[in-house]
């Protein structure tokens, strides 16, 4: 017959098992907060015509504000870099993966050259999300490698574009040049 103490210990263990994992059991490292609950398909930020008109200026303003905070010069929007960013956002959607290579094997440098940009390409940030432009910029700023692309002291120009699928998923691309 079980004692009261044994029943109490088993009850506490059972309740503890109901808590969400704070650690990846096989890695023994904390899971990132964003990994806990992904956005369901078809949810998130929807880009309508008004938003589409506002996003480039809003993204540029946010980037320039972040750069000003550390004494960096402001960027200007480059139509050529933005066209290359748009082409890559569409291509990532077609490939259904966020990566820096085009479906034709093109590199970021190949893409900006094909759009008539002959300045120095400094970096490319990409993202696959259901988030707004500002949330995406904030995510890029939280990682050293992507933050360095945005904050590069040699940068003078910005290309920024997206492609939104009917499901709501957005493929973002940011390019910097000098």
Protein backbone atom coordinates (compact mmCIF):
# COMPACT_ATOMS: atom_id res chain seq x y z
CA UNK A 1 0.00 0.00 0.00
CA UNK A 2 1.31 3.44 -0.93
CA UNK A 3 2.01 5.91 1.80
CA UNK A 4 0.82 9.47 1.70
CA UNK A 5 4.41 10.63 1.12
CA UNK A 6 4.80 8.37 -1.96
CA UNK A 7 1.51 9.62 -3.43
CA UNK A 8 2.54 13.24 -2.84
CA UNK A 9 5.94 12.75 -4.53
CA UNK A 10 4.33 11.04 -7.54
CA UNK A 11 1.75 13.84 -7.81
CA UNK A 12 4.46 16.53 -7.78
CA UNK A 13 6.47 14.62 -10.40
CA UNK A 14 3.38 14.28 -12.58
CA UNK A 15 2.63 18.01 -12.38
CA UNK A 16 6.25 18.88 -13.12
CA UNK A 17 6.08 16.78 -16.29
CA UNK A 18 3.23 19.01 -17.52
CA UNK A 19 5.44 22.11 -17.59
CA UNK A 20 6.92 23.16 -20.93
CA UNK A 21 10.60 22.33 -21.45
CA UNK A 22 12.92 25.19 -20.64
CA UNK A 23 15.87 23.20 -21.94
CA UNK A 24 16.38 21.11 -25.03
CA UNK A 25 16.81 17.68 -23.37
CA UNK A 26 19.40 16.41 -25.85
CA UNK A 27 21.40 19.68 -25.85
CA UNK A 28 20.97 20.84 -22.28
CA UNK A 29 20.85 24.43 -23.49
CA UNK A 30 18.00 26.93 -23.21
CA UNK A 31 15.65 27.08 -26.17
CA UNK A 32 15.12 30.50 -27.73
CA UNK A 33 11.82 32.06 -26.74
CA UNK A 34 10.72 32.35 -30.37
CA UNK A 35 11.05 28.59 -30.86
CA UNK A 36 8.33 27.89 -28.29
CA UNK A 37 5.33 28.69 -30.47
CA UNK A 38 5.61 29.29 -34.21
CA UNK A 39 3.07 31.43 -36.00
CA UNK A 40 0.28 29.36 -37.55
CA UNK A 41 0.04 29.43 -41.33
CA UNK A 42 -1.95 32.30 -42.72
CA UNK A 43 -1.50 34.48 -39.65
CA UNK A 44 0.65 37.48 -38.94
CA UNK A 45 1.30 40.76 -40.66
CA UNK A 46 -0.53 41.35 -43.95
CA UNK A 47 0.98 43.87 -46.33
CA UNK A 48 -1.75 45.90 -48.00
CA UNK A 49 -1.23 48.69 -50.57
CA UNK A 50 -0.85 51.37 -47.88
CA UNK A 51 1.74 49.30 -45.99
CA UNK A 52 3.59 48.52 -49.21
CA UNK A 53 3.96 52.24 -49.89
CA UNK A 54 5.15 52.97 -46.33
CA UNK A 55 7.56 50.07 -45.70
CA UNK A 56 10.64 51.28 -47.66
CA UNK A 57 10.66 54.72 -46.01
CA UNK A 58 9.85 53.29 -42.59
CA UNK A 59 12.65 50.71 -42.84
CA UNK A 60 15.12 53.36 -44.01
CA UNK A 61 14.09 55.68 -41.17
CA UNK A 62 14.51 52.90 -38.60
CA UNK A 63 17.92 51.86 -39.97
CA UNK A 64 19.13 55.47 -40.01
CA UNK A 65 17.92 56.04 -36.45
CA UNK A 66 19.83 52.94 -35.29
CA UNK A 67 22.94 54.06 -37.16
CA UNK A 68 22.70 57.60 -35.75
CA UNK A 69 22.64 56.16 -32.22
CA UNK A 70 26.24 54.98 -32.73
CA UNK A 71 27.42 57.91 -34.83
CA UNK A 72 27.18 56.22 -38.26
CA UNK A 73 26.20 58.16 -41.35
CA UNK A 74 22.67 57.72 -42.74
CA UNK A 75 21.92 55.50 -45.72
CA UNK A 76 19.90 56.34 -48.80
CA UNK A 77 17.58 53.95 -50.61
CA UNK A 78 19.09 52.50 -53.78
CA UNK A 79 16.59 51.50 -56.48
CA UNK A 80 19.08 48.97 -57.87
CA UNK A 81 19.76 47.34 -54.48
CA UNK A 82 16.02 47.29 -53.75
CA UNK A 83 15.32 45.64 -57.13
CA UNK A 84 17.94 42.97 -56.36
CA UNK A 85 16.39 42.50 -52.90
CA UNK A 86 12.93 42.05 -54.43
CA UNK A 87 14.19 39.53 -56.97
CA UNK A 88 15.86 37.53 -54.22
CA UNK A 89 12.80 37.65 -51.93
CA UNK A 90 10.66 36.21 -54.74
CA UNK A 91 13.29 33.59 -55.53
CA UNK A 92 13.57 32.46 -51.89
CA UNK A 93 9.80 31.99 -51.87
CA UNK A 94 9.98 29.91 -55.06
CA UNK A 95 12.73 27.78 -53.49
CA UNK A 96 10.88 27.71 -50.15
CA UNK A 97 14.06 28.36 -48.21
CA UNK A 98 15.83 31.40 -46.84
CA UNK A 99 19.40 31.37 -48.08
CA UNK A 100 21.78 33.62 -49.93
CA UNK A 101 21.95 31.72 -53.23
CA UNK A 102 19.55 32.15 -56.10
CA UNK A 103 17.81 29.21 -57.75
CA UNK A 104 20.09 29.84 -60.74
CA UNK A 105 23.20 29.67 -58.52
CA UNK A 106 23.55 33.46 -58.36
CA UNK A 107 25.30 35.13 -55.45
CA UNK A 108 24.23 38.43 -53.87
CA UNK A 109 26.95 40.14 -55.95
CA UNK A 110 25.61 38.57 -59.17
CA UNK A 111 22.10 39.80 -58.33
CA UNK A 112 23.07 43.41 -57.61
CA UNK A 113 25.22 43.59 -60.75
CA UNK A 114 22.32 42.26 -62.85
CA UNK A 115 20.21 45.16 -61.51
CA UNK A 116 22.81 47.74 -62.55
CA UNK A 117 24.43 48.35 -59.15
CA UNK A 118 28.17 48.82 -59.55
CA UNK A 119 29.02 50.12 -56.09
CA UNK A 120 30.59 47.86 -53.49
CA UNK A 121 28.15 45.29 -52.10
CA UNK A 122 28.75 45.10 -48.34
CA UNK A 123 26.16 42.63 -47.08
CA UNK A 124 22.82 40.90 -47.33
CA UNK A 125 20.31 39.99 -44.61
CA UNK A 126 17.43 37.61 -45.31
CA UNK A 127 14.46 36.41 -43.33
CA UNK A 128 11.43 34.16 -43.66
CA UNK A 129 8.71 35.29 -41.24
CA UNK A 130 5.19 36.43 -40.58
CA UNK A 131 6.47 39.61 -38.90
CA UNK A 132 6.45 43.29 -39.79
CA UNK A 133 9.39 45.10 -41.31
CA UNK A 134 10.25 46.64 -37.92
CA UNK A 135 10.04 43.29 -36.11
CA UNK A 136 12.30 41.80 -38.78
CA UNK A 137 14.81 44.65 -38.41
CA UNK A 138 14.75 44.14 -34.64
CA UNK A 139 15.46 40.44 -35.10
CA UNK A 140 18.40 41.28 -37.38
CA UNK A 141 19.70 43.76 -34.79
CA UNK A 142 19.67 41.06 -32.11
CA UNK A 143 22.28 38.94 -33.94
CA UNK A 144 25.86 40.16 -34.40
CA UNK A 145 26.32 39.00 -38.00
CA UNK A 146 23.12 40.59 -39.32
CA UNK A 147 23.51 43.70 -37.13
CA UNK A 148 27.00 44.21 -38.62
CA UNK A 149 25.50 44.35 -42.13
CA UNK A 150 23.11 47.14 -41.07
CA UNK A 151 25.66 49.06 -39.01
CA UNK A 152 28.65 48.73 -41.38
CA UNK A 153 30.47 52.09 -41.26
CA UNK A 154 31.31 51.81 -44.98
CA UNK A 155 27.63 51.50 -45.98
CA UNK A 156 26.07 54.42 -47.86
CA UNK A 157 23.10 52.77 -49.59
CA UNK A 158 20.29 50.42 -48.63
CA UNK A 159 18.16 48.03 -50.63
CA UNK A 160 15.07 46.67 -48.89
CA UNK A 161 12.28 44.51 -50.28
CA UNK A 162 9.94 41.62 -49.55
CA UNK A 163 7.64 39.14 -51.14
CA UNK A 164 4.48 38.00 -49.33
CA UNK A 165 2.93 34.66 -50.22
CA UNK A 166 -0.84 34.12 -50.17
CA UNK A 167 -0.36 32.20 -46.89
CA UNK A 168 0.98 35.38 -45.29
CA UNK A 169 4.61 34.24 -45.09
CA UNK A 170 6.98 37.09 -45.92
CA UNK A 171 10.44 36.75 -47.41
CA UNK A 172 12.55 39.81 -46.50
CA UNK A 173 15.85 40.89 -48.06
CA UNK A 174 18.08 43.79 -47.01
CA UNK A 175 21.23 44.77 -48.93
CA UNK A 176 23.85 47.36 -48.04
CA UNK A 177 26.33 48.94 -50.39
CA UNK A 178 29.02 51.58 -50.30
